[in-house]
C-alpha cells in the first residue's frame, strides 16, 4: 500500500511569530525544570533519611506462623510464602488455576498507522513539512481505531470478538497474616497455562476455524501466515511465591509505616531477602528515581533555552545554511546554560536540604562560572 502524504507550508513571517510565542513557552519550561530539580533534591534527601531511620527501627519477624501483638504498629521485615486457597476461573473459557492471579491475554492482527516527518527549509525563511503515513500489520492487545487514520482510503480494522480478562485472589495469606491487595499487586511473574479441549470448544463457537497452537488458541486459518482480524489467546497465572516485605504490622495484616519525616515505607520484593538486602533495593530505587528526575529537569531547562533562543535561528533562516549554523550555535549555548543552571539549582537545593555537602558543591559550581567568565574575557 502506498504512503499517504500531508504537505504543510509555513511562511517566514509565521515562523517568526511562532518562535516569539515560543519564548514564553521556553520560560515556562525553565520554571518547571528548575522546580522539578529543586523538588527532586528535597525528595531524594527526605527519602534517604526515611530509609536510614526505618532501617534502624525495623524488626525482623522470627516467624510468620503466629502474630506477635506487641509488634503492632512497628515496622517489620519478614520473608515467607504468599499462598491462597482460591481456585481462579476464566468464566468464558473455563480455564482454572490455584493461583494469586489469572489472566487471559488476547491479541488481534490488525493495521497500525506509522508516520514520519521531513521538514525542509526554503530560501526566504519558509519551511515545507511533509508527513508520510503508512499502514503496517501487527499484533496488538487492543483494537486500533481505524476511523482515526489520516488516509481516508486506509484499510479498516475489524472488531475484536474476544477481550482480555483478569482476576485476582481475594485473600492471600502470609503465614498467620493476610497480605493487603496493594502488596499482592507487587507480586510479579507469570506462568503459561496450556489451553484445554474445553477452551477450544468455546473458541470453535466463536469461529469455526479456531485451533490449538502451542500455548495459544488461534482464531484464524493459518497461524504461520496471519490475516487481519486473526486472534490469538493465551492464559497466564501468577503462582504462589516466596516474598519479602517491609511494612507496619497492623493486627494480622500490614499497612504503610510512616517515618518521622512523613515518608512511607511499604514494600514487597520477590524472593527471600534479608533486611539489609531489602533496604539496599529501596536505596537503589531512590537513586535511580533521583537521577531520572535530574535528567528530566535538565532536559526541560535545555528545551526552555532552545525555545527562548529560537527566534535567532529563525531570523537567520532566510538563508538556510546560515540558519543551520546559527541553530547549531544556539543549541551549544543552550546546552552550556542548561548545564550551568541545573547545576546551580541543585547546589543551592543541597545547601538548603543537606548543607554539609551542598555548601562545597555550591562553591565549586560558582568557582567554575567565575573561571569560565575570566577565560572567556581573556580570549
Protein backbone atom coordinates (compact mmCIF):
# COMPACT_ATOMS: atom_id res chain seq x y z
CA UNK A 1 0.00 0.00 0.00
CA UNK A 2 1.43 3.41 -1.00
CA UNK A 3 2.14 6.10 1.58
CA UNK A 4 -0.32 8.91 2.25
CA UNK A 5 1.38 12.33 2.33
CA UNK A 6 0.34 15.57 4.03
CA UNK A 7 2.17 18.75 2.97
CA UNK A 8 2.27 21.87 5.14
CA UNK A 9 3.88 25.20 4.15
CA UNK A 10 4.79 27.77 6.81
CA UNK A 11 5.85 31.28 5.81
CA UNK A 12 8.87 33.02 7.32
CA UNK A 13 6.60 35.58 8.99
CA UNK A 14 4.51 32.88 10.65
CA UNK A 15 7.66 31.10 11.81
CA UNK A 16 8.94 34.31 13.41
CA UNK A 17 5.59 34.81 15.15
CA UNK A 18 5.59 31.22 16.39
CA UNK A 19 9.17 31.47 17.64
CA UNK A 20 8.38 34.68 19.55
CA UNK A 21 5.43 32.90 21.14
CA UNK A 22 7.84 30.07 21.93
CA UNK A 23 9.85 32.43 24.15
CA UNK A 24 7.05 32.47 26.71
CA UNK A 25 6.75 28.69 26.50
CA UNK A 26 10.51 28.48 26.98
CA UNK A 27 10.35 30.46 30.23
CA UNK A 28 7.53 28.17 31.38
CA UNK A 29 9.72 25.12 30.69
CA UNK A 30 12.58 26.78 32.59
CA UNK A 31 10.35 27.32 35.60
CA UNK A 32 9.09 23.73 35.50
CA UNK A 33 12.62 22.34 35.07
CA UNK A 34 14.03 24.41 37.94
CA UNK A 35 11.07 23.45 40.14
CA UNK A 36 11.50 19.77 39.28
CA UNK A 37 15.20 19.78 40.17
CA UNK A 38 14.54 21.62 43.44
CA UNK A 39 11.68 19.29 44.37
CA UNK A 40 13.70 16.21 43.41
CA UNK A 41 16.73 17.09 45.52
CA UNK A 42 14.50 17.66 48.54
CA UNK A 43 12.57 14.46 47.86
CA UNK A 44 15.78 12.45 47.47
CA UNK A 45 17.25 13.65 50.76
CA UNK A 46 13.94 13.14 52.56
CA UNK A 47 13.66 9.59 51.24
CA UNK A 48 17.27 8.77 52.15
CA UNK A 49 16.71 9.98 55.72
CA UNK A 50 13.49 7.96 55.98
CA UNK A 51 15.19 4.78 54.80
CA UNK A 52 18.06 5.30 57.25
CA UNK A 53 15.58 5.81 60.08
CA UNK A 54 13.49 2.84 59.00
CA UNK A 55 16.45 0.50 58.73
CA UNK A 56 17.40 1.34 62.30
CA UNK A 57 13.91 0.65 63.61
CA UNK A 58 12.88 -2.41 61.60
CA UNK A 59 12.24 -5.65 63.45
CA UNK A 60 12.72 -8.91 61.56
CA UNK A 61 9.99 -11.40 62.39
CA UNK A 62 11.45 -14.71 63.55
CA UNK A 63 8.35 -16.49 62.30
CA UNK A 64 5.21 -15.60 60.39
CA UNK A 65 3.32 -18.61 61.73
CA UNK A 66 1.84 -16.55 64.55
CA UNK A 67 1.06 -12.89 65.18
CA UNK A 68 3.01 -11.07 67.90
CA UNK A 69 0.61 -8.37 69.07
CA UNK A 70 3.44 -6.49 70.84
CA UNK A 71 4.76 -5.52 67.40
CA UNK A 72 1.50 -3.90 66.31
CA UNK A 73 2.31 -0.59 64.63
CA UNK A 74 6.01 -1.43 64.41
CA UNK A 75 7.99 -1.51 61.17
CA UNK A 76 8.70 -5.16 60.44
CA UNK A 77 10.59 -7.23 57.90
CA UNK A 78 9.56 -10.76 57.03
CA UNK A 79 10.03 -13.42 54.37
CA UNK A 80 7.72 -16.29 53.54
CA UNK A 81 5.29 -17.80 51.08
CA UNK A 82 2.33 -15.87 49.70
CA UNK A 83 -0.41 -18.51 49.44
CA UNK A 84 -4.09 -18.76 48.58
CA UNK A 85 -6.77 -21.40 48.88
CA UNK A 86 -8.76 -19.97 45.97
CA UNK A 87 -9.14 -21.55 42.55
CA UNK A 88 -9.46 -18.80 39.95
CA UNK A 89 -11.55 -19.33 36.83
CA UNK A 90 -11.82 -17.72 33.42
CA UNK A 91 -15.63 -17.59 33.11
CA UNK A 92 -15.64 -17.67 29.30
CA UNK A 93 -13.13 -20.41 28.52
CA UNK A 94 -13.29 -22.40 31.76
CA UNK A 95 -9.53 -22.29 32.43
CA UNK A 96 -8.85 -22.84 36.15
CA UNK A 97 -5.78 -22.44 38.36
CA UNK A 98 -4.97 -22.28 42.06
CA UNK A 99 -3.06 -19.04 41.80
CA UNK A 100 -2.71 -15.49 43.07
CA UNK A 101 -3.88 -14.12 39.71
CA UNK A 102 -5.20 -15.44 36.41
CA UNK A 103 -5.27 -13.55 33.14
CA UNK A 104 -6.50 -14.05 29.59
CA UNK A 105 -4.26 -12.30 27.06
CA UNK A 106 -5.86 -11.53 23.71
CA UNK A 107 -4.15 -10.06 20.64
CA UNK A 108 -5.57 -9.24 17.21
CA UNK A 109 -3.64 -8.96 13.95
CA UNK A 110 -4.51 -5.51 12.61
CA UNK A 111 -3.36 -2.37 10.86
CA UNK A 112 -1.31 0.24 12.72
CA UNK A 113 -0.58 3.73 11.44
CA UNK A 114 3.06 4.80 11.28
CA UNK A 115 4.21 8.29 10.44
CA UNK A 116 7.48 10.05 9.69
CA UNK A 117 8.04 13.74 9.10
CA UNK A 118 10.58 15.55 6.95
CA UNK A 119 10.99 19.32 7.11
CA UNK A 120 12.83 21.36 4.50
CA UNK A 121 13.95 24.96 4.89
CA UNK A 122 13.45 27.15 1.84
CA UNK A 123 15.33 30.24 0.70
CA UNK A 124 13.47 33.19 2.17
CA UNK A 125 12.85 31.55 5.54
CA UNK A 126 9.73 29.48 4.84
CA UNK A 127 9.54 25.73 5.50
CA UNK A 128 7.84 22.80 3.82
CA UNK A 129 6.90 19.91 6.08
CA UNK A 130 5.87 16.57 4.65
CA UNK A 131 4.29 13.89 6.83
CA UNK A 132 4.21 10.37 5.43
CA UNK A 133 1.63 7.90 6.74
CA UNK A 134 1.94 4.17 6.16
CA UNK A 135 -0.04 1.20 7.47
CA UNK A 136 1.63 -1.95 8.78
CA UNK A 137 0.10 -5.16 10.08
CA UNK A 138 0.93 -6.03 13.68
CA UNK A 139 -0.32 -7.88 16.77
CA UNK A 140 -1.94 -5.62 19.38
CA UNK A 141 -3.84 -6.37 22.60
CA UNK A 142 -6.39 -3.61 21.91
CA UNK A 143 -8.21 -2.74 18.72
CA UNK A 144 -6.74 0.27 16.95
CA UNK A 145 -9.48 2.68 15.89
CA UNK A 146 -9.00 2.80 12.12
CA UNK A 147 -11.57 5.61 11.79
CA UNK A 148 -8.85 7.94 13.10
CA UNK A 149 -6.34 7.00 10.39
CA UNK A 150 -5.24 10.04 8.36
CA UNK A 151 -5.60 8.34 5.00
CA UNK A 152 -9.34 8.27 4.12
CA UNK A 153 -8.66 5.19 1.98
CA UNK A 154 -6.77 3.35 4.74
CA UNK A 155 -7.97 -0.20 5.49
CA UNK A 156 -10.38 -0.84 8.36
CA UNK A 157 -9.69 -2.94 11.43
CA UNK A 158 -12.43 -5.44 12.31
CA UNK A 159 -13.92 -5.58 15.82
CA UNK A 160 -12.25 -7.78 18.45
CA UNK A 161 -14.60 -10.69 19.09
CA UNK A 162 -12.74 -11.66 22.30
CA UNK A 163 -11.46 -9.30 25.01
CA UNK A 164 -8.81 -9.71 27.68
CA UNK A 165 -9.73 -10.71 31.22
CA UNK A 166 -8.07 -10.83 34.62
CA UNK A 167 -8.95 -11.91 38.14
CA UNK A 168 -7.01 -11.88 41.42
CA UNK A 169 -7.35 -13.94 44.57
CA UNK A 170 -9.43 -12.10 47.16
CA UNK A 171 -7.40 -13.43 50.09
CA UNK A 172 -3.66 -14.11 50.06
CA UNK A 173 -2.12 -15.44 53.25
CA UNK A 174 1.41 -14.92 54.52
CA UNK A 175 1.78 -17.39 57.35
CA UNK A 176 -0.68 -16.23 60.01
CA UNK A 177 -1.05 -12.89 58.23
CA UNK A 178 -3.17 -11.70 55.32
CA UNK A 179 -1.44 -9.60 52.67
CA UNK A 180 -3.27 -6.39 51.65
CA UNK A 181 -4.17 -6.15 47.97
CA UNK A 182 -1.69 -3.31 47.43
CA UNK A 183 1.17 -5.64 48.34
CA UNK A 184 -0.28 -8.59 46.43
CA UNK A 185 -0.29 -6.46 43.28
CA UNK A 186 3.51 -6.20 43.59
CA UNK A 187 3.96 -9.97 43.22
CA UNK A 188 5.48 -10.49 39.79
CA UNK A 189 5.95 -13.43 37.50
CA UNK A 190 3.64 -15.38 35.28
CA UNK A 191 3.40 -18.97 34.16
CA UNK A 192 1.67 -20.01 30.97
CA UNK A 193 -1.34 -22.32 31.11
CA UNK A 194 -1.90 -24.50 28.09
CA UNK A 195 -5.50 -24.28 26.84
CA UNK A 196 -7.53 -27.49 27.08
CA UNK A 197 -10.17 -29.08 24.86
CA UNK A 198 -12.96 -27.30 26.74
CA UNK A 199 -11.40 -23.92 25.93
CA UNK A 200 -11.00 -24.94 22.29
CA UNK A 201 -14.67 -25.95 22.14
CA UNK A 202 -15.65 -22.47 23.34
CA UNK A 203 -13.34 -20.91 20.75
CA UNK A 204 -14.91 -23.01 17.98
CA UNK A 205 -18.23 -21.48 18.98
CA UNK A 206 -16.74 -18.06 18.24
CA UNK A 207 -15.01 -19.01 14.98
CA UNK A 208 -15.21 -22.35 13.26
CA UNK A 209 -11.54 -22.19 12.22
CA UNK A 210 -10.25 -21.94 15.82
CA UNK A 211 -7.33 -24.24 16.62
CA UNK A 212 -4.79 -25.03 19.32
CA UNK A 213 -1.37 -23.56 18.55
CA UNK A 214 1.09 -24.37 21.35
CA UNK A 215 0.27 -22.10 24.29
CA UNK A 216 -2.32 -20.21 22.22
CA UNK A 217 -5.82 -20.68 20.95
CA UNK A 218 -5.64 -19.32 17.42
CA UNK A 219 -8.74 -17.90 15.74
CA UNK A 220 -7.74 -17.94 12.10
CA UNK A 221 -6.88 -20.18 9.18
CA UNK A 222 -3.08 -20.23 9.45
CA UNK A 223 -1.00 -19.02 12.41
CA UNK A 224 2.12 -19.12 10.22
CA UNK A 225 0.60 -16.61 7.80
CA UNK A 226 -1.85 -14.46 9.80
CA UNK A 227 -4.61 -12.39 8.22
CA UNK A 228 -6.07 -9.12 9.50
CA UNK A 229 -8.69 -9.97 12.12
CA UNK A 230 -6.99 -13.18 13.30
CA UNK A 231 -6.90 -13.51 17.08
CA UNK A 232 -4.58 -15.39 19.42
CA UNK A 233 -5.48 -16.11 23.02
CA UNK A 234 -3.18 -17.23 25.84
CA UNK A 235 -3.62 -17.75 29.57
CA UNK A 236 -1.20 -16.92 32.38
CA UNK A 237 -1.24 -17.28 36.14
CA UNK A 238 0.77 -15.76 38.98
CA UNK A 239 1.78 -18.75 41.11
CA UNK A 240 2.13 -18.86 44.88
CA UNK A 241 5.52 -17.29 45.57
CA UNK A 242 8.16 -16.60 48.20
CA UNK A 243 8.27 -12.89 49.00
CA UNK A 244 9.84 -10.44 51.45
CA UNK A 245 8.15 -7.37 52.87
CA UNK A 246 8.79 -4.13 54.74
CA UNK A 247 5.67 -2.69 56.35
CA UNK A 248 3.99 -1.72 59.59
CA UNK A 249 2.27 -4.63 61.31
CA UNK A 250 -1.44 -3.96 61.77
CA UNK A 251 -3.21 -6.79 63.54
CA UNK A 252 -2.85 -9.79 61.27
CA UNK A 253 -2.13 -7.67 58.20
CA UNK A 254 0.16 -4.83 57.16
CA UNK A 255 -0.02 -1.13 56.31
CA UNK A 256 2.30 1.71 55.35
CA UNK A 257 4.79 2.71 58.05
CA UNK A 258 5.19 6.46 58.38
CA UNK A 259 8.62 7.77 59.42
CA UNK A 260 9.20 10.91 61.48
CA UNK A 261 9.52 12.99 58.28
CA UNK A 262 6.19 11.62 56.99
CA UNK A 263 7.70 9.29 54.38
CA UNK A 264 6.04 5.93 53.83
CA UNK A 265 7.76 2.54 53.88
CA UNK A 266 5.67 -0.22 52.35
CA UNK A 267 7.40 -2.67 50.04
CA UNK A 268 7.23 -6.21 48.71
CA UNK A 269 10.06 -7.90 46.83
CA UNK A 270 10.24 -11.28 45.17
CA UNK A 271 12.34 -13.94 46.90
CA UNK A 272 13.76 -14.40 50.38
CA UNK A 273 15.73 -11.25 51.14
CA UNK A 274 17.44 -10.11 54.33
CA UNK A 275 16.61 -6.80 55.95
CA UNK A 276 19.79 -5.21 54.58
CA UNK A 277 19.06 -6.53 51.07
CA UNK A 278 15.57 -5.07 51.20
CA UNK A 279 16.87 -1.64 52.16
CA UNK A 280 19.62 -1.78 49.52
CA UNK A 281 16.93 -2.27 46.89
CA UNK A 282 14.91 0.64 48.31
CA UNK A 283 18.02 2.84 48.22
CA UNK A 284 18.73 1.77 44.64
CA UNK A 285 15.18 2.71 43.65
CA UNK A 286 15.65 6.13 45.25
CA UNK A 287 18.99 6.58 43.45
CA UNK A 288 17.51 5.69 40.06
CA UNK A 289 14.47 7.93 40.56
CA UNK A 290 16.70 10.80 41.68
CA UNK A 291 18.85 10.63 38.57
CA UNK A 292 15.86 10.11 36.32
CA UNK A 293 14.25 13.30 37.62
CA UNK A 294 17.57 15.17 37.43
CA UNK A 295 17.88 14.27 33.77
CA UNK A 296 14.22 15.19 33.24
CA UNK A 297 14.75 18.61 34.83
CA UNK A 298 17.89 19.20 32.77
CA UNK A 299 16.09 18.31 29.53
CA UNK A 300 13.23 20.71 30.36
CA UNK A 301 15.71 23.52 31.03
CA UNK A 302 17.59 22.73 27.80
CA UNK A 303 14.33 22.82 25.84
CA UNK A 304 13.42 26.08 27.56
CA UNK A 305 16.63 27.82 26.49
CA UNK A 306 16.21 26.40 22.97
CA UNK A 307 12.75 27.98 22.72
CA UNK A 308 14.00 31.29 24.16
CA UNK A 309 16.86 31.49 21.65
CA UNK A 310 14.74 30.06 18.83
CA UNK A 311 13.96 33.40 17.10
CA UNK A 312 17.68 33.89 16.35
CA UNK A 313 17.90 30.82 14.13
CA UNK A 314 14.51 31.56 12.51
CA UNK A 315 15.66 35.09 11.61
CA UNK A 316 18.82 33.63 10.06
CA UNK A 317 16.83 31.03 8.10
CA UNK A 318 16.35 33.50 5.22
CA UNK A 319 19.48 31.71 4.01
CA UNK A 320 19.03 28.09 5.20
CA UNK A 321 22.77 27.40 5.55
CA UNK A 322 23.23 30.43 7.81
CA UNK A 323 20.15 29.40 9.78
CA UNK A 324 21.58 25.92 10.36
CA UNK A 325 24.85 27.39 11.63
CA UNK A 326 23.04 29.80 13.97
CA UNK A 327 20.80 26.94 15.12
CA UNK A 328 23.85 24.83 15.98
CA UNK A 329 25.43 27.70 17.92
CA UNK A 330 22.23 28.43 19.87
CA UNK A 331 21.95 24.74 20.77
CA UNK A 332 25.51 24.72 22.16
CA UNK A 333 24.78 27.92 24.10
CA UNK A 334 21.55 26.37 25.41
CA UNK A 335 23.44 23.24 26.44
CA UNK A 336 26.04 25.25 28.38
CA UNK A 337 23.39 27.43 30.03
CA UNK A 338 21.23 24.41 30.91
CA UNK A 339 24.21 22.61 32.45
CA UNK A 340 25.12 25.67 34.48
CA UNK A 341 21.61 26.49 35.66
CA UNK A 342 20.68 22.91 36.58
CA UNK A 343 23.97 22.51 38.50
CA UNK A 344 23.42 25.81 40.29
CA UNK A 345 19.85 24.94 41.28
CA UNK A 346 20.96 21.51 42.52
CA UNK A 347 23.79 23.07 44.53
CA UNK A 348 21.51 25.65 46.15
CA UNK A 349 18.97 22.93 46.89
CA UNK A 350 21.66 20.85 48.58
CA UNK A 351 22.68 23.88 50.67
CA UNK A 352 19.07 24.06 51.80
CA UNK A 353 18.45 20.33 52.28
CA UNK A 354 21.96 19.00 53.04
CA UNK A 355 24.31 21.91 53.89
CA UNK A 356 27.39 19.81 54.73
CA UNK A 357 27.53 18.61 51.12
CA UNK A 358 25.72 21.48 49.42
CA UNK A 359 27.98 24.34 50.51
CA UNK A 360 31.18 22.82 48.98
CA UNK A 361 29.20 21.91 45.84
CA UNK A 362 27.92 25.48 45.53
CA UNK A 363 31.45 26.87 45.94
CA UNK A 364 32.76 24.57 43.19
CA UNK A 365 29.87 25.47 40.86
CA UNK A 366 30.26 29.22 41.36
CA UNK A 367 34.04 28.86 41.01
CA UNK A 368 33.55 27.14 37.66
CA UNK A 369 31.35 30.01 36.46
CA UNK A 370 33.96 32.57 37.53
CA UNK A 371 36.76 30.65 35.78
CA UNK A 372 34.73 30.36 32.57
CA UNK A 373 33.96 34.09 32.72
CA UNK A 374 37.62 35.12 33.06
CA UNK A 375 38.79 32.61 30.44
CA UNK A 376 36.20 33.98 28.00
CA UNK A 377 37.17 37.56 28.85
CA UNK A 378 40.88 36.80 28.29
CA UNK A 379 40.18 35.28 24.85
